[in-house]
N, C-alpha and C. Protein backbone atom coordinates (compact mmCIF):
# COMPACT_ATOMS: atom_id res chain seq x y z
N MET A 1 9.47 71.54 28.93
CA MET A 1 10.34 70.39 28.86
C MET A 1 9.55 69.08 29.02
N ILE A 2 8.63 69.05 29.99
CA ILE A 2 7.82 67.86 30.23
C ILE A 2 6.92 67.61 29.02
N ALA A 3 6.29 68.68 28.52
CA ALA A 3 5.39 68.54 27.36
C ALA A 3 6.16 68.02 26.16
N ALA A 4 7.37 68.52 25.95
CA ALA A 4 8.17 68.06 24.82
C ALA A 4 8.46 66.56 24.93
N ALA A 5 8.76 66.11 26.13
CA ALA A 5 9.01 64.67 26.33
C ALA A 5 7.76 63.86 26.01
N VAL A 6 6.60 64.34 26.46
CA VAL A 6 5.34 63.64 26.17
C VAL A 6 5.11 63.57 24.68
N PHE A 7 5.35 64.68 23.98
CA PHE A 7 5.08 64.75 22.54
C PHE A 7 6.05 63.91 21.72
N VAL A 8 7.22 63.59 22.28
CA VAL A 8 8.25 62.90 21.51
C VAL A 8 8.36 61.40 21.85
N ILE A 9 8.28 61.05 23.12
CA ILE A 9 8.62 59.68 23.54
C ILE A 9 7.71 58.63 22.92
N LEU A 10 6.39 58.79 23.05
CA LEU A 10 5.49 57.76 22.50
C LEU A 10 5.64 57.64 20.99
N PRO A 11 5.55 58.74 20.23
CA PRO A 11 5.70 58.58 18.77
C PRO A 11 7.05 57.99 18.35
N LEU A 12 8.11 58.39 19.02
CA LEU A 12 9.43 57.86 18.67
C LEU A 12 9.52 56.37 18.97
N CYS A 13 9.03 55.96 20.12
CA CYS A 13 9.05 54.53 20.47
C CYS A 13 8.19 53.72 19.50
N LEU A 14 7.03 54.26 19.13
CA LEU A 14 6.17 53.54 18.18
C LEU A 14 6.85 53.42 16.82
N ALA A 15 7.53 54.48 16.38
CA ALA A 15 8.23 54.43 15.09
C ALA A 15 9.36 53.40 15.13
N ILE A 16 10.11 53.39 16.21
CA ILE A 16 11.20 52.40 16.34
C ILE A 16 10.63 50.99 16.32
N ALA A 17 9.55 50.78 17.04
CA ALA A 17 8.92 49.45 17.08
C ALA A 17 8.45 49.03 15.69
N ALA A 18 7.82 49.95 14.96
CA ALA A 18 7.30 49.63 13.63
C ALA A 18 8.43 49.26 12.68
N PHE A 19 9.49 50.08 12.65
CA PHE A 19 10.60 49.79 11.73
C PHE A 19 11.32 48.50 12.13
N SER A 20 11.49 48.29 13.42
CA SER A 20 12.14 47.06 13.86
C SER A 20 11.31 45.84 13.48
N ASP A 21 9.99 45.93 13.67
CA ASP A 21 9.12 44.81 13.32
C ASP A 21 9.12 44.56 11.81
N LEU A 22 9.15 45.63 11.04
CA LEU A 22 9.18 45.50 9.58
C LEU A 22 10.44 44.79 9.10
N PHE A 23 11.59 45.18 9.64
CA PHE A 23 12.85 44.65 9.13
C PHE A 23 13.34 43.39 9.83
N THR A 24 12.95 43.18 11.09
CA THR A 24 13.48 42.02 11.82
C THR A 24 12.40 41.10 12.36
N MET A 25 11.13 41.49 12.23
CA MET A 25 10.00 40.73 12.77
C MET A 25 10.09 40.58 14.29
N THR A 26 10.75 41.53 14.94
CA THR A 26 10.80 41.57 16.40
C THR A 26 10.65 43.02 16.86
N ILE A 27 10.11 43.17 18.06
CA ILE A 27 10.01 44.49 18.68
C ILE A 27 10.89 44.42 19.93
N PRO A 28 11.91 45.26 19.99
CA PRO A 28 12.81 45.20 21.15
C PRO A 28 12.07 45.46 22.47
N ASN A 29 12.40 44.70 23.49
CA ASN A 29 11.79 44.88 24.81
C ASN A 29 12.03 46.29 25.35
N ARG A 30 13.18 46.87 25.00
CA ARG A 30 13.51 48.18 25.54
C ARG A 30 12.51 49.25 25.10
N VAL A 31 11.85 49.07 23.96
CA VAL A 31 10.85 50.05 23.52
C VAL A 31 9.69 50.08 24.50
N SER A 32 9.16 48.92 24.85
CA SER A 32 8.06 48.85 25.82
C SER A 32 8.51 49.31 27.19
N LEU A 33 9.73 48.95 27.58
CA LEU A 33 10.25 49.39 28.87
C LEU A 33 10.40 50.91 28.94
N ILE A 34 10.85 51.52 27.87
CA ILE A 34 10.98 52.98 27.83
C ILE A 34 9.61 53.63 27.96
N LEU A 35 8.61 53.07 27.29
CA LEU A 35 7.26 53.64 27.39
C LEU A 35 6.74 53.57 28.83
N VAL A 36 6.92 52.45 29.49
CA VAL A 36 6.45 52.29 30.87
C VAL A 36 7.26 53.19 31.81
N ALA A 37 8.58 53.12 31.69
CA ALA A 37 9.45 53.88 32.60
C ALA A 37 9.28 55.39 32.42
N SER A 38 8.99 55.84 31.22
CA SER A 38 8.83 57.29 31.02
C SER A 38 7.43 57.76 31.42
N PHE A 39 6.43 56.88 31.30
CA PHE A 39 5.08 57.28 31.70
C PHE A 39 5.02 57.60 33.19
N LEU A 40 5.67 56.78 33.99
CA LEU A 40 5.55 56.90 35.45
C LEU A 40 5.95 58.28 35.97
N PRO A 41 7.05 58.89 35.55
CA PRO A 41 7.32 60.26 36.03
C PRO A 41 6.58 61.34 35.21
N LEU A 42 6.35 61.09 33.93
CA LEU A 42 5.73 62.13 33.09
C LEU A 42 4.26 62.36 33.42
N ALA A 43 3.55 61.32 33.80
CA ALA A 43 2.12 61.46 34.07
C ALA A 43 1.84 62.47 35.19
N PRO A 44 2.44 62.31 36.37
CA PRO A 44 2.16 63.31 37.41
C PRO A 44 2.73 64.68 37.07
N LEU A 45 3.88 64.71 36.42
CA LEU A 45 4.48 66.00 36.06
C LEU A 45 3.67 66.72 34.99
N SER A 46 2.88 65.98 34.22
CA SER A 46 2.03 66.59 33.20
C SER A 46 0.70 67.07 33.77
N GLY A 47 0.44 66.73 35.03
CA GLY A 47 -0.78 67.19 35.66
C GLY A 47 -1.87 66.15 35.78
N LEU A 48 -1.59 64.89 35.45
CA LEU A 48 -2.61 63.86 35.64
C LEU A 48 -2.78 63.58 37.13
N SER A 49 -4.00 63.42 37.55
CA SER A 49 -4.28 63.13 38.96
C SER A 49 -3.88 61.70 39.28
N LEU A 50 -3.77 61.41 40.57
CA LEU A 50 -3.44 60.07 41.01
C LEU A 50 -4.50 59.06 40.56
N GLU A 51 -5.77 59.49 40.60
CA GLU A 51 -6.85 58.61 40.15
C GLU A 51 -6.73 58.31 38.65
N ALA A 52 -6.40 59.34 37.88
CA ALA A 52 -6.23 59.15 36.43
C ALA A 52 -5.06 58.22 36.14
N ILE A 53 -3.99 58.39 36.87
CA ILE A 53 -2.82 57.51 36.68
C ILE A 53 -3.21 56.07 37.01
N GLY A 54 -4.00 55.90 38.06
CA GLY A 54 -4.49 54.56 38.41
C GLY A 54 -5.29 53.95 37.28
N MET A 55 -6.13 54.75 36.64
CA MET A 55 -6.94 54.25 35.53
C MET A 55 -6.06 53.89 34.32
N HIS A 56 -4.97 54.60 34.14
CA HIS A 56 -4.02 54.26 33.08
C HIS A 56 -3.39 52.90 33.37
N LEU A 57 -3.05 52.67 34.65
CA LEU A 57 -2.48 51.38 35.03
C LEU A 57 -3.49 50.25 34.85
N VAL A 58 -4.75 50.52 35.17
CA VAL A 58 -5.81 49.52 34.97
C VAL A 58 -5.95 49.20 33.48
N ALA A 59 -5.93 50.23 32.64
CA ALA A 59 -6.05 50.02 31.19
C ALA A 59 -4.92 49.13 30.69
N ALA A 60 -3.70 49.42 31.13
CA ALA A 60 -2.55 48.62 30.71
C ALA A 60 -2.69 47.17 31.18
N ALA A 61 -3.19 46.99 32.39
CA ALA A 61 -3.37 45.63 32.92
C ALA A 61 -4.43 44.86 32.14
N ILE A 62 -5.51 45.52 31.79
CA ILE A 62 -6.58 44.86 31.01
C ILE A 62 -6.06 44.47 29.63
N VAL A 63 -5.39 45.41 28.98
CA VAL A 63 -4.85 45.12 27.64
C VAL A 63 -3.80 44.02 27.73
N PHE A 64 -2.96 44.06 28.76
CA PHE A 64 -1.94 43.02 28.92
C PHE A 64 -2.60 41.65 29.10
N GLY A 65 -3.65 41.59 29.92
CA GLY A 65 -4.36 40.32 30.13
C GLY A 65 -4.93 39.77 28.84
N ALA A 66 -5.57 40.63 28.06
CA ALA A 66 -6.14 40.19 26.78
C ALA A 66 -5.04 39.77 25.81
N CYS A 67 -3.98 40.56 25.75
CA CYS A 67 -2.88 40.24 24.84
C CYS A 67 -2.14 38.98 25.27
N PHE A 68 -2.01 38.77 26.59
CA PHE A 68 -1.36 37.55 27.08
C PHE A 68 -2.16 36.32 26.66
N ALA A 69 -3.50 36.43 26.74
CA ALA A 69 -4.33 35.31 26.30
C ALA A 69 -4.13 35.05 24.80
N LEU A 70 -4.10 36.11 24.01
CA LEU A 70 -3.86 35.95 22.57
C LEU A 70 -2.49 35.36 22.30
N PHE A 71 -1.49 35.78 23.07
CA PHE A 71 -0.15 35.23 22.94
C PHE A 71 -0.15 33.74 23.31
N ALA A 72 -0.85 33.39 24.37
CA ALA A 72 -0.91 31.99 24.81
C ALA A 72 -1.53 31.09 23.75
N PHE A 73 -2.48 31.63 23.00
CA PHE A 73 -3.11 30.86 21.92
C PHE A 73 -2.38 31.04 20.58
N ASN A 74 -1.20 31.64 20.63
CA ASN A 74 -0.35 31.84 19.46
C ASN A 74 -1.02 32.69 18.37
N VAL A 75 -1.84 33.64 18.81
CA VAL A 75 -2.52 34.54 17.88
C VAL A 75 -1.73 35.84 17.75
N MET A 76 -0.99 36.19 18.79
CA MET A 76 -0.26 37.46 18.82
C MET A 76 1.16 37.19 19.33
N GLY A 77 2.11 37.93 18.80
CA GLY A 77 3.49 37.80 19.25
C GLY A 77 3.70 38.48 20.60
N GLY A 78 4.73 38.07 21.29
CA GLY A 78 5.04 38.64 22.60
C GLY A 78 5.41 40.11 22.53
N GLY A 79 6.17 40.49 21.52
CA GLY A 79 6.55 41.90 21.37
C GLY A 79 5.34 42.78 21.10
N ASP A 80 4.42 42.27 20.28
CA ASP A 80 3.19 43.01 20.00
C ASP A 80 2.37 43.19 21.29
N ALA A 81 2.28 42.13 22.09
CA ALA A 81 1.51 42.19 23.33
C ALA A 81 2.11 43.21 24.29
N LYS A 82 3.43 43.20 24.42
CA LYS A 82 4.08 44.14 25.33
C LYS A 82 3.95 45.58 24.82
N LEU A 83 4.11 45.78 23.52
CA LEU A 83 4.01 47.13 22.95
C LEU A 83 2.59 47.67 23.10
N LEU A 84 1.60 46.85 22.81
CA LEU A 84 0.21 47.30 22.92
C LEU A 84 -0.14 47.61 24.37
N SER A 85 0.34 46.82 25.30
CA SER A 85 0.09 47.06 26.72
C SER A 85 0.76 48.35 27.19
N ALA A 86 2.01 48.55 26.79
CA ALA A 86 2.73 49.78 27.17
C ALA A 86 2.08 51.01 26.54
N THR A 87 1.60 50.86 25.32
CA THR A 87 0.92 51.97 24.66
C THR A 87 -0.39 52.27 25.36
N ALA A 88 -1.12 51.23 25.77
CA ALA A 88 -2.38 51.43 26.49
C ALA A 88 -2.15 52.19 27.80
N LEU A 89 -0.99 52.01 28.41
CA LEU A 89 -0.65 52.76 29.62
C LEU A 89 -0.69 54.25 29.36
N TRP A 90 -0.24 54.66 28.19
CA TRP A 90 -0.23 56.08 27.83
C TRP A 90 -1.63 56.61 27.51
N PHE A 91 -2.56 55.71 27.20
CA PHE A 91 -3.90 56.15 26.80
C PHE A 91 -4.91 56.11 27.94
N GLY A 92 -4.75 55.23 28.88
CA GLY A 92 -5.67 55.17 30.00
C GLY A 92 -6.98 54.48 29.65
N LEU A 93 -7.84 54.39 30.64
CA LEU A 93 -9.11 53.70 30.48
C LEU A 93 -10.20 54.73 30.18
N ASN A 94 -10.29 55.12 28.92
CA ASN A 94 -11.27 56.14 28.51
C ASN A 94 -11.49 56.02 27.00
N GLN A 95 -12.08 57.05 26.44
CA GLN A 95 -12.41 57.04 25.01
C GLN A 95 -11.18 56.90 24.12
N SER A 96 -10.05 57.48 24.53
CA SER A 96 -8.87 57.40 23.68
C SER A 96 -8.36 55.96 23.56
N LEU A 97 -8.57 55.14 24.60
CA LEU A 97 -8.18 53.73 24.50
C LEU A 97 -9.05 53.03 23.47
N ALA A 98 -10.33 53.38 23.44
CA ALA A 98 -11.22 52.81 22.44
C ALA A 98 -10.77 53.21 21.04
N PHE A 99 -10.38 54.48 20.88
CA PHE A 99 -9.86 54.93 19.58
C PHE A 99 -8.60 54.15 19.21
N LEU A 100 -7.71 53.97 20.18
CA LEU A 100 -6.48 53.23 19.91
C LEU A 100 -6.79 51.83 19.43
N MET A 101 -7.67 51.13 20.15
CA MET A 101 -7.96 49.75 19.80
C MET A 101 -8.68 49.66 18.45
N THR A 102 -9.59 50.59 18.20
CA THR A 102 -10.29 50.62 16.92
C THR A 102 -9.31 50.90 15.79
N ASP A 103 -8.46 51.90 15.99
CA ASP A 103 -7.48 52.25 14.96
C ASP A 103 -6.50 51.11 14.71
N VAL A 104 -6.02 50.49 15.78
CA VAL A 104 -5.08 49.37 15.62
C VAL A 104 -5.75 48.21 14.89
N ALA A 105 -6.99 47.91 15.23
CA ALA A 105 -7.70 46.81 14.56
C ALA A 105 -7.92 47.12 13.08
N ALA A 106 -8.37 48.33 12.78
CA ALA A 106 -8.63 48.69 11.38
C ALA A 106 -7.34 48.73 10.58
N VAL A 107 -6.34 49.40 11.11
CA VAL A 107 -5.06 49.48 10.39
C VAL A 107 -4.42 48.10 10.30
N GLY A 108 -4.55 47.32 11.37
CA GLY A 108 -3.99 45.96 11.36
C GLY A 108 -4.58 45.11 10.26
N GLY A 109 -5.89 45.22 10.06
CA GLY A 109 -6.53 44.49 8.96
C GLY A 109 -6.00 44.92 7.61
N LEU A 110 -5.86 46.22 7.43
CA LEU A 110 -5.33 46.73 6.15
C LEU A 110 -3.88 46.33 5.94
N VAL A 111 -3.07 46.45 6.99
CA VAL A 111 -1.66 46.07 6.88
C VAL A 111 -1.54 44.58 6.56
N THR A 112 -2.34 43.76 7.23
CA THR A 112 -2.31 42.32 6.99
C THR A 112 -2.68 42.00 5.54
N LEU A 113 -3.75 42.61 5.05
CA LEU A 113 -4.15 42.38 3.66
C LEU A 113 -3.07 42.82 2.68
N LEU A 114 -2.48 43.97 2.94
CA LEU A 114 -1.41 44.48 2.08
C LEU A 114 -0.21 43.54 2.07
N ILE A 115 0.19 43.07 3.24
CA ILE A 115 1.34 42.16 3.32
C ILE A 115 1.03 40.84 2.63
N LEU A 116 -0.17 40.32 2.83
CA LEU A 116 -0.53 39.06 2.15
C LEU A 116 -0.56 39.26 0.63
N LEU A 117 -1.02 40.41 0.18
CA LEU A 117 -1.01 40.71 -1.25
C LEU A 117 0.42 40.78 -1.78
N VAL A 118 1.28 41.46 -1.03
CA VAL A 118 2.69 41.56 -1.44
C VAL A 118 3.31 40.17 -1.49
N ARG A 119 2.99 39.33 -0.53
CA ARG A 119 3.57 37.98 -0.49
C ARG A 119 3.11 37.11 -1.65
N THR A 120 1.92 37.37 -2.18
CA THR A 120 1.48 36.60 -3.34
C THR A 120 2.25 37.00 -4.59
N GLN A 121 2.88 38.15 -4.54
CA GLN A 121 3.63 38.67 -5.69
C GLN A 121 5.14 38.63 -5.45
N THR A 122 5.60 37.76 -4.57
CA THR A 122 7.01 37.71 -4.19
C THR A 122 7.92 37.53 -5.40
N ASN A 123 7.60 36.60 -6.28
CA ASN A 123 8.47 36.35 -7.44
C ASN A 123 8.57 37.59 -8.33
N THR A 124 7.45 38.26 -8.54
CA THR A 124 7.45 39.48 -9.35
C THR A 124 8.25 40.57 -8.68
N ILE A 125 8.06 40.74 -7.38
CA ILE A 125 8.78 41.78 -6.64
C ILE A 125 10.27 41.53 -6.69
N LEU A 126 10.68 40.28 -6.50
CA LEU A 126 12.11 39.95 -6.56
C LEU A 126 12.65 40.14 -7.97
N ALA A 127 11.88 39.77 -8.99
CA ALA A 127 12.33 39.91 -10.38
C ALA A 127 12.49 41.37 -10.76
N ILE A 128 11.58 42.20 -10.32
CA ILE A 128 11.66 43.63 -10.65
C ILE A 128 12.75 44.32 -9.85
N GLY A 129 13.05 43.78 -8.68
CA GLY A 129 14.08 44.37 -7.83
C GLY A 129 13.56 45.46 -6.91
N LEU A 130 12.27 45.40 -6.57
CA LEU A 130 11.72 46.39 -5.65
C LEU A 130 12.36 46.23 -4.27
N PRO A 131 12.65 47.33 -3.62
CA PRO A 131 13.31 47.26 -2.30
C PRO A 131 12.32 46.92 -1.19
N VAL A 132 11.99 45.66 -1.05
CA VAL A 132 11.09 45.18 -0.01
C VAL A 132 11.91 44.28 0.91
N PRO A 133 11.83 44.51 2.23
CA PRO A 133 12.62 43.67 3.15
C PRO A 133 12.30 42.19 2.98
N ASN A 134 13.35 41.37 2.97
CA ASN A 134 13.16 39.92 2.84
C ASN A 134 12.28 39.38 3.95
N SER A 135 12.41 39.96 5.15
CA SER A 135 11.60 39.47 6.27
C SER A 135 10.11 39.63 5.98
N LEU A 136 9.75 40.65 5.25
CA LEU A 136 8.35 40.89 4.91
C LEU A 136 7.85 39.87 3.89
N LEU A 137 8.74 39.48 2.98
CA LEU A 137 8.35 38.54 1.92
C LEU A 137 8.36 37.09 2.38
N LEU A 138 9.28 36.74 3.25
CA LEU A 138 9.52 35.33 3.55
C LEU A 138 8.98 34.86 4.89
N ALA A 139 8.73 35.77 5.81
CA ALA A 139 8.27 35.36 7.15
C ALA A 139 6.86 34.80 7.10
N LYS A 140 6.56 33.97 8.05
CA LYS A 140 5.23 33.37 8.14
C LYS A 140 4.28 34.21 9.00
N LYS A 141 4.81 35.23 9.69
CA LYS A 141 3.97 36.04 10.56
C LYS A 141 3.83 37.46 10.00
N ILE A 142 2.93 38.20 10.59
CA ILE A 142 2.64 39.56 10.16
C ILE A 142 3.28 40.53 11.16
N PRO A 143 4.02 41.52 10.71
CA PRO A 143 4.62 42.50 11.63
C PRO A 143 3.55 43.48 12.14
N TYR A 144 2.82 43.06 13.16
CA TYR A 144 1.68 43.83 13.66
C TYR A 144 2.12 45.10 14.40
N GLY A 145 3.40 45.21 14.72
CA GLY A 145 3.91 46.43 15.35
C GLY A 145 3.68 47.65 14.47
N ILE A 146 3.62 47.43 13.17
CA ILE A 146 3.35 48.53 12.23
C ILE A 146 1.94 49.07 12.49
N ALA A 147 0.98 48.19 12.63
CA ALA A 147 -0.41 48.61 12.87
C ALA A 147 -0.55 49.27 14.25
N ILE A 148 0.14 48.73 15.24
CA ILE A 148 0.09 49.33 16.58
C ILE A 148 0.64 50.75 16.52
N ALA A 149 1.74 50.93 15.79
CA ALA A 149 2.34 52.26 15.68
C ALA A 149 1.41 53.23 14.96
N ILE A 150 0.86 52.84 13.84
CA ILE A 150 -0.02 53.73 13.08
C ILE A 150 -1.27 54.05 13.91
N GLY A 151 -1.86 53.05 14.54
CA GLY A 151 -3.02 53.28 15.41
C GLY A 151 -2.68 54.21 16.56
N GLY A 152 -1.50 54.03 17.13
CA GLY A 152 -1.05 54.92 18.20
C GLY A 152 -0.88 56.35 17.73
N PHE A 153 -0.30 56.52 16.53
CA PHE A 153 -0.15 57.87 15.97
C PHE A 153 -1.52 58.53 15.77
N MET A 154 -2.47 57.76 15.28
CA MET A 154 -3.79 58.30 14.99
C MET A 154 -4.54 58.69 16.26
N ALA A 155 -4.40 57.90 17.31
CA ALA A 155 -5.16 58.14 18.54
C ALA A 155 -4.44 59.05 19.54
N PHE A 156 -3.14 59.23 19.41
CA PHE A 156 -2.35 59.97 20.39
C PHE A 156 -2.88 61.38 20.67
N PRO A 157 -3.29 62.16 19.66
CA PRO A 157 -3.76 63.52 19.97
C PRO A 157 -5.00 63.58 20.86
N SER A 158 -5.72 62.47 21.01
CA SER A 158 -6.89 62.47 21.89
C SER A 158 -6.60 61.84 23.25
N SER A 159 -5.35 61.46 23.50
CA SER A 159 -5.01 60.79 24.75
C SER A 159 -4.92 61.80 25.90
N PRO A 160 -5.26 61.36 27.11
CA PRO A 160 -5.22 62.26 28.26
C PRO A 160 -3.84 62.85 28.52
N LEU A 161 -2.79 62.06 28.34
CA LEU A 161 -1.44 62.56 28.59
C LEU A 161 -1.07 63.65 27.58
N PHE A 162 -1.41 63.43 26.32
CA PHE A 162 -1.16 64.44 25.29
C PHE A 162 -1.93 65.72 25.61
N LEU A 163 -3.22 65.57 25.96
CA LEU A 163 -4.05 66.74 26.25
C LEU A 163 -3.56 67.47 27.50
N ALA A 164 -3.11 66.73 28.52
CA ALA A 164 -2.58 67.37 29.73
C ALA A 164 -1.29 68.12 29.41
N ALA A 165 -0.43 67.53 28.60
CA ALA A 165 0.81 68.19 28.22
C ALA A 165 0.52 69.45 27.39
N LEU A 166 -0.45 69.35 26.52
CA LEU A 166 -0.87 70.50 25.70
C LEU A 166 -1.41 71.62 26.59
N GLU A 167 -2.20 71.24 27.57
CA GLU A 167 -2.76 72.22 28.51
C GLU A 167 -1.67 72.90 29.33
N SER A 168 -0.61 72.17 29.65
CA SER A 168 0.47 72.75 30.45
C SER A 168 1.25 73.82 29.69
N LEU A 169 1.12 73.83 28.37
CA LEU A 169 1.81 74.83 27.56
C LEU A 169 1.09 76.17 27.56
N LYS A 170 -0.16 76.18 27.99
CA LYS A 170 -0.94 77.43 27.97
C LYS A 170 -0.58 78.33 29.11
């Protein structure tokens, strides 16, 4: 039961965040809150040590600090900062966090280029009638929650919580 929750909660929250960001250019606060609130009981129940849980909290704090600075300089949206920080909580301060950040940065660059390319073709897309959300075509910002979600999906199998939950099934 605990392993199933670990395997479902993060991917589901990331998917909700990505779709919400795509269609509304916002990430609901409840997604980040669910990630934080569910990590706290799931981590010890999955077998993570108290020290490991502490390192997960440190990772989230570091990512939050960096994201807060980016938000303060208007480089990153608040929803993106909260989602990335809550996701970092699930990854901890180890190699999987590096994978997450690398994946998010790489996918974010590709998503940004793709969206900018789509926006240069707005008139053609509208004339053809392709089903592209208006928020994607008309907004001035990039829905970076999509990149955070894809990066999270890519890095999740190497995360300590995923591996601990997998180990508990044996």
